[in-house]
């Protein structure tokens, strides 16, 4: 991964965390990692544990950020979330998956959208 792409990703996650906090999400963890993968943000929102995938783009040349959360990516996130719940002994807790799209513009501007409860894993 290029340094520019890494910087964009980190900036996007920073924007997303601030955006979520202003909307009543309490950030519990950022960049939770284990051998199964990574969850960008784990937050509590009105008593529901939210596993949040942040997708950052500088243009829509490769599609919208939401399109990048494919079915295989959703399954991977679900496996990591399940392991998180077991690790933290929170298996009975109500949980959902949210997706935040961050479009970075010129001079530090960003457009941010959220899809709460973006997908379910059956």
PDB file of N, CA and C in Angstrom:
ATOM      1  N   UNK A   1       0.843  -1.173   0.000  1.00  0.00           N
ATOM      2  CA  UNK A   1       0.000   0.000   0.000  1.00  0.00           C
ATOM      3  C   UNK A   1       0.890   1.240   0.000  1.00  0.00           C
ATOM      4  N   UNK A   2       0.550   2.201  -0.855  1.00  0.00           N
ATOM      5  CA  UNK A   2       1.376   3.399  -0.957  1.00  0.00           C
ATOM      6  C   UNK A   2       1.211   4.270   0.290  1.00  0.00           C
ATOM      7  N   UNK A   3       2.213   5.098   0.521  1.00  0.00           N
ATOM      8  CA  UNK A   3       2.157   6.007   1.675  1.00  0.00           C
ATOM      9  C   UNK A   3       0.988   6.983   1.534  1.00  0.00           C
ATOM     10  N   UNK A   4       0.741   7.461   0.308  1.00  0.00           N
ATOM     11  CA  UNK A   4      -0.373   8.387   0.083  1.00  0.00           C
ATOM     12  C   UNK A   4      -1.706   7.720   0.435  1.00  0.00           C
ATOM     13  N   UNK A   5      -1.856   6.471   0.032  1.00  0.00           N
ATOM     14  CA  UNK A   5      -3.094   5.745   0.306  1.00  0.00           C
ATOM     15  C   UNK A   5      -3.248   5.508   1.813  1.00  0.00           C
ATOM     16  N   UNK A   6      -2.136   5.200   2.478  1.00  0.00           N
ATOM     17  CA  UNK A   6      -2.186   5.013   3.932  1.00  0.00           C
ATOM     18  C   UNK A   6      -2.585   6.309   4.634  1.00  0.00           C
ATOM     19  N   UNK A   7      -1.997   7.431   4.192  1.00  0.00           N
ATOM     20  CA  UNK A   7      -2.339   8.730   4.785  1.00  0.00           C
ATOM     21  C   UNK A   7      -3.814   9.059   4.566  1.00  0.00           C
ATOM     22  N   UNK A   8      -4.314   8.781   3.364  1.00  0.00           N
ATOM     23  CA  UNK A   8      -5.727   9.029   3.070  1.00  0.00           C
ATOM     24  C   UNK A   8      -6.612   8.178   3.962  1.00  0.00           C
ATOM     25  N   UNK A   9      -6.252   6.916   4.134  1.00  0.00           N
ATOM     26  CA  UNK A   9      -7.021   6.016   4.975  1.00  0.00           C
ATOM     27  C   UNK A   9      -7.066   6.464   6.414  1.00  0.00           C
ATOM     28  N   UNK A  10      -5.925   6.872   6.947  1.00  0.00           N
ATOM     29  CA  UNK A  10      -5.873   7.354   8.335  1.00  0.00           C
ATOM     30  C   UNK A  10      -6.668   8.651   8.484  1.00  0.00           C
ATOM     31  N   UNK A  11      -6.539   9.551   7.512  1.00  0.00           N
ATOM     32  CA  UNK A  11      -7.298  10.808   7.557  1.00  0.00           C
ATOM     33  C   UNK A  11      -8.789  10.509   7.513  1.00  0.00           C
ATOM     34  N   UNK A  12      -9.191   9.581   6.661  1.00  0.00           N
ATOM     35  CA  UNK A  12     -10.594   9.204   6.563  1.00  0.00           C
ATOM     36  C   UNK A  12     -11.128   8.651   7.876  1.00  0.00           C
ATOM     37  N   UNK A  13     -10.342   7.822   8.535  1.00  0.00           N
ATOM     38  CA  UNK A  13     -10.762   7.273   9.825  1.00  0.00           C
ATOM     39  C   UNK A  13     -10.859   8.363  10.888  1.00  0.00           C
ATOM     40  N   UNK A  14      -9.961   9.334  10.845  1.00  0.00           N
ATOM     41  CA  UNK A  14     -10.037  10.455  11.786  1.00  0.00           C
ATOM     42  C   UNK A  14     -11.313  11.263  11.556  1.00  0.00           C
ATOM     43  N   UNK A  15     -11.604  11.574  10.288  1.00  0.00           N
ATOM     44  CA  UNK A  15     -12.841  12.284   9.961  1.00  0.00           C
ATOM     45  C   UNK A  15     -14.059  11.483  10.417  1.00  0.00           C
ATOM     46  N   UNK A  16     -14.051  10.178  10.138  1.00  0.00           N
ATOM     47  CA  UNK A  16     -15.178   9.317  10.496  1.00  0.00           C
ATOM     48  C   UNK A  16     -15.384   9.293  12.007  1.00  0.00           C
ATOM     49  N   UNK A  17     -14.308   9.171  12.777  1.00  0.00           N
ATOM     50  CA  UNK A  17     -14.422   9.122  14.239  1.00  0.00           C
ATOM     51  C   UNK A  17     -15.029  10.419  14.776  1.00  0.00           C
ATOM     52  N   UNK A  18     -14.596  11.549  14.258  1.00  0.00           N
ATOM     53  CA  UNK A  18     -15.143  12.837  14.693  1.00  0.00           C
ATOM     54  C   UNK A  18     -16.624  12.952  14.301  1.00  0.00           C
ATOM     55  N   UNK A  19     -16.946  12.539  13.094  1.00  0.00           N
ATOM     56  CA  UNK A  19     -18.318  12.545  12.583  1.00  0.00           C
ATOM     57  C   UNK A  19     -19.223  11.696  13.480  1.00  0.00           C
ATOM     58  N   UNK A  20     -18.751  10.500  13.814  1.00  0.00           N
ATOM     59  CA  UNK A  20     -19.534   9.593  14.652  1.00  0.00           C
ATOM     60  C   UNK A  20     -19.728  10.157  16.059  1.00  0.00           C
ATOM     61  N   UNK A  21     -18.666  10.701  16.626  1.00  0.00           N
ATOM     62  CA  UNK A  21     -18.749  11.261  17.982  1.00  0.00           C
ATOM     63  C   UNK A  21     -19.787  12.379  18.051  1.00  0.00           C
ATOM     64  N   UNK A  22     -19.856  13.193  17.012  1.00  0.00           N
ATOM     65  CA  UNK A  22     -20.842  14.285  16.980  1.00  0.00           C
ATOM     66  C   UNK A  22     -22.268  13.750  16.881  1.00  0.00           C
ATOM     67  N   UNK A  23     -22.421  12.519  16.439  1.00  0.00           N
ATOM     68  CA  UNK A  23     -23.739  11.908  16.293  1.00  0.00           C
ATOM     69  C   UNK A  23     -24.076  10.949  17.431  1.00  0.00           C
ATOM     70  N   UNK A  24     -23.330  11.053  18.514  1.00  0.00           N
ATOM     71  CA  UNK A  24     -23.668  10.285  19.704  1.00  0.00           C
ATOM     72  C   UNK A  24     -23.019   8.913  19.815  1.00  0.00           C
ATOM     73  N   UNK A  25     -22.126   8.575  18.921  1.00  0.00           N
ATOM     74  CA  UNK A  25     -21.399   7.314  19.029  1.00  0.00           C
ATOM     75  C   UNK A  25     -20.276   7.508  20.043  1.00  0.00           C
ATOM     76  N   UNK A  26     -20.096   6.522  20.901  1.00  0.00           N
ATOM     77  CA  UNK A  26     -18.970   6.544  21.845  1.00  0.00           C
ATOM     78  C   UNK A  26     -17.927   5.570  21.305  1.00  0.00           C
ATOM     79  N   UNK A  27     -16.811   6.108  20.868  1.00  0.00           N
ATOM     80  CA  UNK A  27     -15.757   5.286  20.270  1.00  0.00           C
ATOM     81  C   UNK A  27     -15.103   4.452  21.371  1.00  0.00           C
ATOM     82  N   UNK A  28     -15.118   3.139  21.178  1.00  0.00           N
ATOM     83  CA  UNK A  28     -14.508   2.228  22.146  1.00  0.00           C
ATOM     84  C   UNK A  28     -13.112   1.817  21.712  1.00  0.00           C
ATOM     85  N   UNK A  29     -12.960   1.564  20.433  1.00  0.00           N
ATOM     86  CA  UNK A  29     -11.652   1.150  19.902  1.00  0.00           C
ATOM     87  C   UNK A  29     -11.524   1.583  18.459  1.00  0.00           C
ATOM     88  N   UNK A  30     -10.290   1.793  18.062  1.00  0.00           N
ATOM     89  CA  UNK A  30      -9.982   2.037  16.651  1.00  0.00           C
ATOM     90  C   UNK A  30      -8.943   1.024  16.208  1.00  0.00           C
ATOM     91  N   UNK A  31      -9.123   0.542  15.016  1.00  0.00           N
ATOM     92  CA  UNK A  31      -8.188  -0.404  14.397  1.00  0.00           C
ATOM     93  C   UNK A  31      -7.954  -1.655  15.237  1.00  0.00           C
ATOM     94  N   UNK A  32      -9.044  -2.289  15.646  1.00  0.00           N
ATOM     95  CA  UNK A  32      -8.937  -3.566  16.348  1.00  0.00           C
ATOM     96  C   UNK A  32      -8.452  -4.606  15.341  1.00  0.00           C
ATOM     97  N   UNK A  33      -7.347  -5.291  15.667  1.00  0.00           N
ATOM     98  CA  UNK A  33      -6.750  -6.271  14.762  1.00  0.00           C
ATOM     99  C   UNK A  33      -6.546  -7.596  15.471  1.00  0.00           C
ATOM    100  N   UNK A  34      -6.738  -8.645  14.703  1.00  0.00           N
ATOM    101  CA  UNK A  34      -6.316  -9.974  15.138  1.00  0.00           C
ATOM    102  C   UNK A  34      -5.944 -10.763  13.874  1.00  0.00           C
ATOM    103  N   UNK A  35      -5.718 -12.055  14.010  1.00  0.00           N
ATOM    104  CA  UNK A  35      -5.260 -12.820  12.848  1.00  0.00           C
ATOM    105  C   UNK A  35      -6.332 -12.934  11.766  1.00  0.00           C
ATOM    106  N   UNK A  36      -7.580 -12.667  12.108  1.00  0.00           N
ATOM    107  CA  UNK A  36      -8.668 -12.757  11.130  1.00  0.00           C
ATOM    108  C   UNK A  36      -8.823 -11.498  10.292  1.00  0.00           C
ATOM    109  N   UNK A  37      -8.364 -10.363  10.823  1.00  0.00           N
ATOM    110  CA  UNK A  37      -8.497  -9.108  10.087  1.00  0.00           C
ATOM    111  C   UNK A  37      -8.568  -7.918  11.014  1.00  0.00           C
ATOM    112  N   UNK A  38      -9.223  -6.867  10.536  1.00  0.00           N
ATOM    113  CA  UNK A  38      -9.271  -5.602  11.272  1.00  0.00           C
ATOM    114  C   UNK A  38     -10.657  -4.981  11.172  1.00  0.00           C
ATOM    115  N   UNK A  39     -11.054  -4.343  12.256  1.00  0.00           N
ATOM    116  CA  UNK A  39     -12.254  -3.522  12.272  1.00  0.00           C
ATOM    117  C   UNK A  39     -11.797  -2.095  12.532  1.00  0.00           C
ATOM    118  N   UNK A  40     -12.215  -1.179  11.658  1.00  0.00           N
ATOM    119  CA  UNK A  40     -11.732   0.199  11.741  1.00  0.00           C
ATOM    120  C   UNK A  40     -12.140   0.889  13.034  1.00  0.00           C
ATOM    121  N   UNK A  41     -13.433   0.822  13.360  1.00  0.00           N
ATOM    122  CA  UNK A  41     -13.922   1.489  14.567  1.00  0.00           C
ATOM    123  C   UNK A  41     -14.955   0.591  15.244  1.00  0.00           C
ATOM    124  N   UNK A  42     -14.834   0.484  16.553  1.00  0.00           N
ATOM    125  CA  UNK A  42     -15.852  -0.180  17.370  1.00  0.00           C
ATOM    126  C   UNK A  42     -16.416   0.909  18.274  1.00  0.00           C
ATOM    127  N   UNK A  43     -17.748   1.050  18.257  1.00  0.00           N
ATOM    128  CA  UNK A  43     -18.364   2.126  19.021  1.00  0.00           C
ATOM    129  C   UNK A  43     -19.671   1.648  19.638  1.00  0.00           C
ATOM    130  N   UNK A  44     -20.097   2.360  20.661  1.00  0.00           N
ATOM    131  CA  UNK A  44     -21.408   2.138  21.256  1.00  0.00           C
ATOM    132  C   UNK A  44     -22.308   3.266  20.765  1.00  0.00           C
ATOM    133  N   UNK A  45     -23.482   2.901  20.266  1.00  0.00           N
ATOM    134  CA  UNK A  45     -24.462   3.896  19.844  1.00  0.00           C
ATOM    135  C   UNK A  45     -25.816   3.527  20.429  1.00  0.00           C
ATOM    136  N   UNK A  46     -26.220   4.257  21.435  1.00  0.00           N
ATOM    137  CA  UNK A  46     -27.509   4.043  22.090  1.00  0.00           C
ATOM    138  C   UNK A  46     -27.691   2.602  22.562  1.00  0.00           C
ATOM    139  N   UNK A  47     -26.618   2.036  23.131  1.00  0.00           N
ATOM    140  CA  UNK A  47     -26.681   0.684  23.675  1.00  0.00           C
ATOM    141  C   UNK A  47     -26.402  -0.432  22.697  1.00  0.00           C
ATOM    142  N   UNK A  48     -26.183  -0.099  21.447  1.00  0.00           N
ATOM    143  CA  UNK A  48     -25.849  -1.101  20.435  1.00  0.00           C
ATOM    144  C   UNK A  48     -24.364  -1.006  20.111  1.00  0.00           C
ATOM    145  N   UNK A  49     -23.705  -2.144  20.077  1.00  0.00           N
ATOM    146  CA  UNK A  49     -22.297  -2.195  19.713  1.00  0.00           C
ATOM    147  C   UNK A  49     -22.213  -2.123  18.197  1.00  0.00           C
ATOM    148  N   UNK A  50     -21.469  -1.163  17.678  1.00  0.00           N
ATOM    149  CA  UNK A  50     -21.363  -0.944  16.238  1.00  0.00           C
ATOM    150  C   UNK A  50     -19.949  -1.262  15.758  1.00  0.00           C
ATOM    151  N   UNK A  51     -19.891  -2.144  14.786  1.00  0.00           N
ATOM    152  CA  UNK A  51     -18.639  -2.447  14.106  1.00  0.00           C
ATOM    153  C   UNK A  51     -18.666  -1.635  12.821  1.00  0.00           C
ATOM    154  N   UNK A  52     -17.725  -0.694  12.717  1.00  0.00           N
ATOM    155  CA  UNK A  52     -17.803   0.297  11.654  1.00  0.00           C
ATOM    156  C   UNK A  52     -16.640   0.148  10.687  1.00  0.00           C
ATOM    157  N   UNK A  53     -16.989  -0.029   9.431  1.00  0.00           N
ATOM    158  CA  UNK A  53     -16.018  -0.085   8.340  1.00  0.00           C
ATOM    159  C   UNK A  53     -15.980   1.296   7.704  1.00  0.00           C
ATOM    160  N   UNK A  54     -14.785   1.856   7.599  1.00  0.00           N
ATOM    161  CA  UNK A  54     -14.604   3.173   7.001  1.00  0.00           C
ATOM    162  C   UNK A  54     -13.931   2.991   5.644  1.00  0.00           C
ATOM    163  N   UNK A  55     -14.542   3.551   4.621  1.00  0.00           N
ATOM    164  CA  UNK A  55     -13.969   3.516   3.278  1.00  0.00           C
ATOM    165  C   UNK A  55     -13.719   4.948   2.846  1.00  0.00           C
ATOM    166  N   UNK A  56     -12.477   5.227   2.481  1.00  0.00           N
ATOM    167  CA  UNK A  56     -12.064   6.576   2.110  1.00  0.00           C
ATOM    168  C   UNK A  56     -11.655   6.600   0.645  1.00  0.00           C
ATOM    169  N   UNK A  57     -12.085   7.640  -0.035  1.00  0.00           N
ATOM    170  CA  UNK A  57     -11.739   7.829  -1.440  1.00  0.00           C
ATOM    171  C   UNK A  57     -11.381   9.296  -1.661  1.00  0.00           C
ATOM    172  N   UNK A  58     -10.587   9.529  -2.699  1.00  0.00           N
ATOM    173  CA  UNK A  58     -10.305  10.899  -3.130  1.00  0.00           C
ATOM    174  C   UNK A  58     -11.050  11.217  -4.422  1.00  0.00           C
ATOM    175  N   UNK A  59     -11.594  10.179  -5.055  1.00  0.00           N
ATOM    176  CA  UNK A  59     -12.436  10.355  -6.247  1.00  0.00           C
ATOM    177  C   UNK A  59     -13.332   9.129  -6.359  1.00  0.00           C
ATOM    178  N   UNK A  60     -14.303   9.207  -7.245  1.00  0.00           N
ATOM    179  CA  UNK A  60     -15.172   8.055  -7.451  1.00  0.00           C
ATOM    180  C   UNK A  60     -14.764   7.257  -8.682  1.00  0.00           C
ATOM    181  N   UNK A  61     -13.523   7.418  -9.094  1.00  0.00           N
ATOM    182  CA  UNK A  61     -13.006   6.721 -10.266  1.00  0.00           C
ATOM    183  C   UNK A  61     -13.037   5.204 -10.158  1.00  0.00           C
ATOM    184  N   UNK A  62     -12.995   4.691  -8.959  1.00  0.00           N
ATOM    185  CA  UNK A  62     -13.055   3.241  -8.746  1.00  0.00           C
ATOM    186  C   UNK A  62     -14.372   2.832  -8.094  1.00  0.00           C
ATOM    187  N   UNK A  63     -15.386   3.669  -8.236  1.00  0.00           N
ATOM    188  CA  UNK A  63     -16.680   3.396  -7.636  1.00  0.00           C
ATOM    189  C   UNK A  63     -16.827   4.089  -6.297  1.00  0.00           C
ATOM    190  N   UNK A  64     -18.028   4.006  -5.760  1.00  0.00           N
ATOM    191  CA  UNK A  64     -18.288   4.660  -4.476  1.00  0.00           C
ATOM    192  C   UNK A  64     -17.630   3.870  -3.350  1.00  0.00           C
ATOM    193  N   UNK A  65     -17.366   4.537  -2.242  1.00  0.00           N
ATOM    194  CA  UNK A  65     -16.788   3.816  -1.104  1.00  0.00           C
ATOM    195  C   UNK A  65     -17.673   2.661  -0.634  1.00  0.00           C
ATOM    196  N   UNK A  66     -18.995   2.835  -0.720  1.00  0.00           N
ATOM    197  CA  UNK A  66     -19.905   1.789  -0.271  1.00  0.00           C
ATOM    198  C   UNK A  66     -19.782   0.524  -1.120  1.00  0.00           C
ATOM    199  N   UNK A  67     -19.498   0.686  -2.398  1.00  0.00           N
ATOM    200  CA  UNK A  67     -19.357  -0.466  -3.287  1.00  0.00           C
ATOM    201  C   UNK A  67     -18.166  -1.344  -2.920  1.00  0.00           C
ATOM    202  N   UNK A  68     -17.225  -0.787  -2.182  1.00  0.00           N
ATOM    203  CA  UNK A  68     -16.025  -1.538  -1.794  1.00  0.00           C
ATOM    204  C   UNK A  68     -16.294  -2.528  -0.664  1.00  0.00           C
ATOM    205  N   UNK A  69     -17.449  -2.415  -0.018  1.00  0.00           N
ATOM    206  CA  UNK A  69     -17.787  -3.340   1.067  1.00  0.00           C
ATOM    207  C   UNK A  69     -18.596  -4.482   0.449  1.00  0.00           C
ATOM    208  N   UNK A  70     -17.860  -5.345  -0.206  1.00  0.00           N
ATOM    209  CA  UNK A  70     -18.441  -6.467  -0.940  1.00  0.00           C
ATOM    210  C   UNK A  70     -18.903  -7.567   0.011  1.00  0.00           C
ATOM    211  N   UNK A  71     -19.613  -8.536  -0.517  1.00  0.00           N
ATOM    212  CA  UNK A  71     -20.081  -9.661   0.293  1.00  0.00           C
ATOM    213  C   UNK A  71     -18.918 -10.395   0.976  1.00  0.00           C
ATOM    214  N   UNK A  72     -17.817 -10.697   0.251  1.00  0.00           N
ATOM    215  CA  UNK A  72     -16.679 -11.331   0.943  1.00  0.00           C
ATOM    216  C   UNK A  72     -16.106 -10.447   2.071  1.00  0.00           C
ATOM    217  N   UNK A  73     -16.060  -9.143   1.851  1.00  0.00           N
ATOM    218  CA  UNK A  73     -15.572  -8.224   2.891  1.00  0.00           C
ATOM    219  C   UNK A  73     -16.517  -8.249   4.090  1.00  0.00           C
ATOM    220  N   UNK A  74     -17.818  -8.302   3.838  1.00  0.00           N
ATOM    221  CA  UNK A  74     -18.796  -8.373   4.911  1.00  0.00           C
ATOM    222  C   UNK A  74     -18.605  -9.636   5.744  1.00  0.00           C
ATOM    223  N   UNK A  75     -18.387 -10.763   5.075  1.00  0.00           N
ATOM    224  CA  UNK A  75     -18.172 -12.019   5.810  1.00  0.00           C
ATOM    225  C   UNK A  75     -16.910 -11.943   6.661  1.00  0.00           C
ATOM    226  N   UNK A  76     -15.861 -11.343   6.117  1.00  0.00           N
ATOM    227  CA  UNK A  76     -14.613 -11.196   6.865  1.00  0.00           C
ATOM    228  C   UNK A  76     -14.829 -10.310   8.094  1.00  0.00           C
ATOM    229  N   UNK A  77     -15.531  -9.200   7.910  1.00  0.00           N
ATOM    230  CA  UNK A  77     -15.825  -8.313   9.042  1.00  0.00           C
ATOM    231  C   UNK A  77     -16.636  -9.034  10.105  1.00  0.00           C
ATOM    232  N   UNK A  78     -17.570  -9.858   9.669  1.00  0.00           N
ATOM    233  CA  UNK A  78     -18.400 -10.619  10.619  1.00  0.00           C
ATOM    234  C   UNK A  78     -17.552 -11.577  11.439  1.00  0.00           C
ATOM    235  N   UNK A  79     -16.583 -12.231  10.808  1.00  0.00           N
ATOM    236  CA  UNK A  79     -15.704 -13.152  11.552  1.00  0.00           C
ATOM    237  C   UNK A  79     -14.872 -12.398  12.586  1.00  0.00           C
ATOM    238  N   UNK A  80     -14.353 -11.238  12.190  1.00  0.00           N
ATOM    239  CA  UNK A  80     -13.557 -10.443  13.130  1.00  0.00           C
ATOM    240  C   UNK A  80     -14.451  -9.938  14.265  1.00  0.00           C
ATOM    241  N   UNK A  81     -15.654  -9.489  13.933  1.00  0.00           N
ATOM    242  CA  UNK A  81     -16.586  -9.001  14.960  1.00  0.00           C
ATOM    243  C   UNK A  81     -16.942 -10.105  15.943  1.00  0.00           C
ATOM    244  N   UNK A  82     -17.193 -11.295  15.428  1.00  0.00           N
ATOM    245  CA  UNK A  82     -17.515 -12.424  16.302  1.00  0.00           C
ATOM    246  C   UNK A  82     -16.362 -12.715  17.258  1.00  0.00           C
ATOM    247  N   UNK A  83     -15.137 -12.685  16.737  1.00  0.00           N
ATOM    248  CA  UNK A  83     -13.985 -12.938  17.604  1.00  0.00           C
ATOM    249  C   UNK A  83     -13.813 -11.812  18.629  1.00  0.00           C
ATOM    250  N   UNK A  84     -14.128 -10.579  18.235  1.00  0.00           N
ATOM    251  CA  UNK A  84     -14.070  -9.443  19.159  1.00  0.00           C
ATOM    252  C   UNK A  84     -15.052  -9.659  20.313  1.00  0.00           C
ATOM    253  N   UNK A  85     -16.278 -10.040  19.963  1.00  0.00           N
ATOM    254  CA  UNK A  85     -17.299 -10.270  20.988  1.00  0.00           C
ATOM    255  C   UNK A  85     -16.880 -11.368  21.972  1.00  0.00           C
ATOM    256  N   UNK A  86     -16.285 -12.428  21.454  1.00  0.00           N
ATOM    257  CA  UNK A  86     -15.815 -13.506  22.327  1.00  0.00           C
ATOM    258  C   UNK A  86     -14.648 -13.030  23.193  1.00  0.00           C
ATOM    259  N   UNK A  87     -13.697 -12.347  22.585  1.00  0.00           N
ATOM    260  CA  UNK A  87     -12.511 -11.854  23.298  1.00  0.00           C
ATOM    261  C   UNK A  87     -12.899 -10.899  24.430  1.00  0.00           C
ATOM    262  N   UNK A  88     -13.874 -10.043  24.164  1.00  0.00           N
ATOM    263  CA  UNK A  88     -14.308  -9.055  25.159  1.00  0.00           C
ATOM    264  C   UNK A  88     -15.427  -9.573  26.062  1.00  0.00           C
ATOM    265  N   UNK A  89     -15.821 -10.831  25.859  1.00  0.00           N
ATOM    266  CA  UNK A  89     -16.897 -11.454  26.643  1.00  0.00           C
ATOM    267  C   UNK A  89     -18.187 -10.634  26.568  1.00  0.00           C
ATOM    268  N   UNK A  90     -18.571 -10.333  25.329  1.00  0.00           N
ATOM    269  CA  UNK A  90     -19.757  -9.528  25.058  1.00  0.00           C
ATOM    270  C   UNK A  90     -20.697 -10.249  24.095  1.00  0.00           C
ATOM    271  N   UNK A  91     -20.668 -11.575  24.090  1.00  0.00           N
ATOM    272  CA  UNK A  91     -21.400 -12.324  23.069  1.00  0.00           C
ATOM    273  C   UNK A  91     -22.910 -12.098  23.098  1.00  0.00           C
ATOM    274  N   UNK A  92     -23.484 -11.696  24.192  1.00  0.00           N
ATOM    275  CA  UNK A  92     -24.921 -11.472  24.250  1.00  0.00           C
ATOM    276  C   UNK A  92     -25.342 -10.064  23.876  1.00  0.00           C
ATOM    277  N   UNK A  93     -24.398  -9.228  23.554  1.00  0.00           N
ATOM    278  CA  UNK A  93     -24.665  -7.810  23.299  1.00  0.00           C
ATOM    279  C   UNK A  93     -25.270  -7.585  21.915  1.00  0.00           C
ATOM    280  N   UNK A  94     -26.228  -6.683  21.842  1.00  0.00           N
ATOM    281  CA  UNK A  94     -26.819  -6.294  20.563  1.00  0.00           C
ATOM    282  C   UNK A  94     -25.740  -5.593  19.737  1.00  0.00           C
ATOM    283  N   UNK A  95     -25.612  -5.996  18.469  1.00  0.00           N
ATOM    284  CA  UNK A  95     -24.550  -5.439  17.629  1.00  0.00           C
ATOM    285  C   UNK A  95     -25.052  -5.259  16.203  1.00  0.00           C
ATOM    286  N   UNK A  96     -24.353  -4.394  15.471  1.00  0.00           N
ATOM    287  CA  UNK A  96     -24.674  -4.165  14.056  1.00  0.00           C
ATOM    288  C   UNK A  96     -23.419  -3.715  13.325  1.00  0.00           C
ATOM    289  N   UNK A  97     -23.526  -3.698  11.990  1.00  0.00           N
ATOM    290  CA  UNK A  97     -22.436  -3.249  11.133  1.00  0.00           C
ATOM    291  C   UNK A  97     -22.846  -1.950  10.445  1.00  0.00           C
ATOM    292  N   UNK A  98     -22.044  -0.916  10.618  1.00  0.00           N
ATOM    293  CA  UNK A  98     -22.259   0.361   9.934  1.00  0.00           C
ATOM    294  C   UNK A  98     -21.110   0.563   8.951  1.00  0.00           C
ATOM    295  N   UNK A  99     -21.382   1.304   7.896  1.00  0.00           N
ATOM    296  CA  UNK A  99     -20.345   1.665   6.936  1.00  0.00           C
ATOM    297  C   UNK A  99     -20.324   3.181   6.810  1.00  0.00           C
ATOM    298  N   UNK A 100     -19.133   3.758   6.894  1.00  0.00           N
ATOM    299  CA  UNK A 100     -18.951   5.195   6.728  1.00  0.00           C
ATOM    300  C   UNK A 100     -18.112   5.418   5.476  1.00  0.00           C
ATOM    301  N   UNK A 101     -18.626   6.280   4.605  1.00  0.00           N
ATOM    302  CA  UNK A 101     -17.912   6.645   3.382  1.00  0.00           C
ATOM    303  C   UNK A 101     -17.368   8.057   3.541  1.00  0.00           C
ATOM    304  N   UNK A 102     -16.080   8.205   3.286  1.00  0.00           N
ATOM    305  CA  UNK A 102     -15.425   9.507   3.381  1.00  0.00           C
ATOM    306  C   UNK A 102     -14.835   9.835   2.012  1.00  0.00           C
ATOM    307  N   UNK A 103     -15.280  10.941   1.447  1.00  0.00           N
ATOM    308  CA  UNK A 103     -14.712  11.436   0.193  1.00  0.00           C
ATOM    309  C   UNK A 103     -13.853  12.645   0.536  1.00  0.00           C
ATOM    310  N   UNK A 104     -12.542  12.495   0.373  1.00  0.00           N
ATOM    311  CA  UNK A 104     -11.626  13.590   0.693  1.00  0.00           C
ATOM    312  C   UNK A 104     -11.568  14.558  -0.474  1.00  0.00           C
ATOM    313  N   UNK A 105     -11.728  15.833  -0.157  1.00  0.00           N
ATOM    314  CA  UNK A 105     -11.657  16.873  -1.177  1.00  0.00           C
ATOM    315  C   UNK A 105     -10.369  17.668  -1.043  1.00  0.00           C
ATOM    316  N   UNK A 106     -10.346  18.785  -1.698  1.00  0.00           N
ATOM    317  CA  UNK A 106      -9.176  19.659  -1.663  1.00  0.00           C
ATOM    318  C   UNK A 106      -9.086  20.383  -0.327  1.00  0.00           C
ATOM    319  N   UNK A 107      -7.882  20.661   0.095  1.00  0.00           N
ATOM    320  CA  UNK A 107      -7.584  21.491   1.259  1.00  0.00           C
ATOM    321  C   UNK A 107      -8.285  21.036   2.540  1.00  0.00           C
ATOM    322  N   UNK A 108      -8.284  19.735   2.785  1.00  0.00           N
ATOM    323  CA  UNK A 108      -8.782  19.216   4.047  1.00  0.00           C
ATOM    324  C   UNK A 108     -10.287  19.119   4.176  1.00  0.00           C
ATOM    325  N   UNK A 109     -11.011  19.286   3.086  1.00  0.00           N
ATOM    326  CA  UNK A 109     -12.470  19.148   3.129  1.00  0.00           C
ATOM    327  C   UNK A 109     -12.839  17.682   2.939  1.00  0.00           C
ATOM    328  N   UNK A 110     -13.936  17.285   3.552  1.00  0.00           N
ATOM    329  CA  UNK A 110     -14.388  15.900   3.412  1.00  0.00           C
ATOM    330  C   UNK A 110     -15.908  15.861   3.388  1.00  0.00           C
ATOM    331  N   UNK A 111     -16.429  14.963   2.583  1.00  0.00           N
ATOM    332  CA  UNK A 111     -17.850  14.669   2.551  1.00  0.00           C
ATOM    333  C   UNK A 111     -18.015  13.304   3.205  1.00  0.00           C
ATOM    334  N   UNK A 112     -18.907  13.209   4.183  1.00  0.00           N
ATOM    335  CA  UNK A 112     -19.031  11.974   4.959  1.00  0.00           C
ATOM    336  C   UNK A 112     -20.483  11.516   4.961  1.00  0.00           C
ATOM    337  N   UNK A 113     -20.677  10.222   4.728  1.00  0.00           N
ATOM    338  CA  UNK A 113     -21.997   9.606   4.782  1.00  0.00           C
ATOM    339  C   UNK A 113     -21.894   8.325   5.600  1.00  0.00           C
ATOM    340  N   UNK A 114     -23.003   7.998   6.254  1.00  0.00           N
ATOM    341  CA  UNK A 114     -23.044   6.758   7.032  1.00  0.00           C
ATOM    342  C   UNK A 114     -24.266   5.944   6.632  1.00  0.00           C
ATOM    343  N   UNK A 115     -24.080   4.645   6.607  1.00  0.00           N
ATOM    344  CA  UNK A 115     -25.192   3.714   6.452  1.00  0.00           C
ATOM    345  C   UNK A 115     -25.200   2.854   7.721  1.00  0.00           C
ATOM    346  N   UNK A 116     -26.098   3.184   8.669  1.00  0.00           N
ATOM    347  CA  UNK A 116     -26.210   2.362   9.862  1.00  0.00           C
ATOM    348  C   UNK A 116     -26.843   1.020   9.505  1.00  0.00           C
ATOM    349  N   UNK A 117     -26.446  -0.019  10.202  1.00  0.00           N
ATOM    350  CA  UNK A 117     -27.001  -1.349   9.971  1.00  0.00           C
ATOM    351  C   UNK A 117     -26.935  -1.693   8.486  1.00  0.00           C
ATOM    352  N   UNK A 118     -25.742  -1.514   7.924  1.00  0.00           N
ATOM    353  CA  UNK A 118     -25.529  -1.600   6.478  1.00  0.00           C
ATOM    354  C   UNK A 118     -25.711  -3.010   5.917  1.00  0.00           C
ATOM    355  N   UNK A 119     -25.440  -4.023   6.720  1.00  0.00           N
ATOM    356  CA  UNK A 119     -25.593  -5.397   6.248  1.00  0.00           C
ATOM    357  C   UNK A 119     -25.746  -6.330   7.417  1.00  0.00           C
ATOM    358  N   UNK A 120     -26.296  -7.495   7.122  1.00  0.00           N
ATOM    359  CA  UNK A 120     -26.447  -8.556   8.119  1.00  0.00           C
ATOM    360  C   UNK A 120     -25.743  -9.791   7.617  1.00  0.00           C
ATOM    361  N   UNK A 121     -25.213 -10.542   8.509  1.00  0.00           N
ATOM    362  CA  UNK A 121     -24.600 -11.824   8.158  1.00  0.00           C
ATOM    363  C   UNK A 121     -25.523 -12.904   8.694  1.00  0.00           C
ATOM    364  N   UNK A 122     -25.996 -13.753   7.823  1.00  0.00           N
ATOM    365  CA  UNK A 122     -26.907 -14.823   8.242  1.00  0.00           C
ATOM    366  C   UNK A 122     -26.168 -16.110   8.477  1.00  0.00           C
TER     367      UNK A 122
END
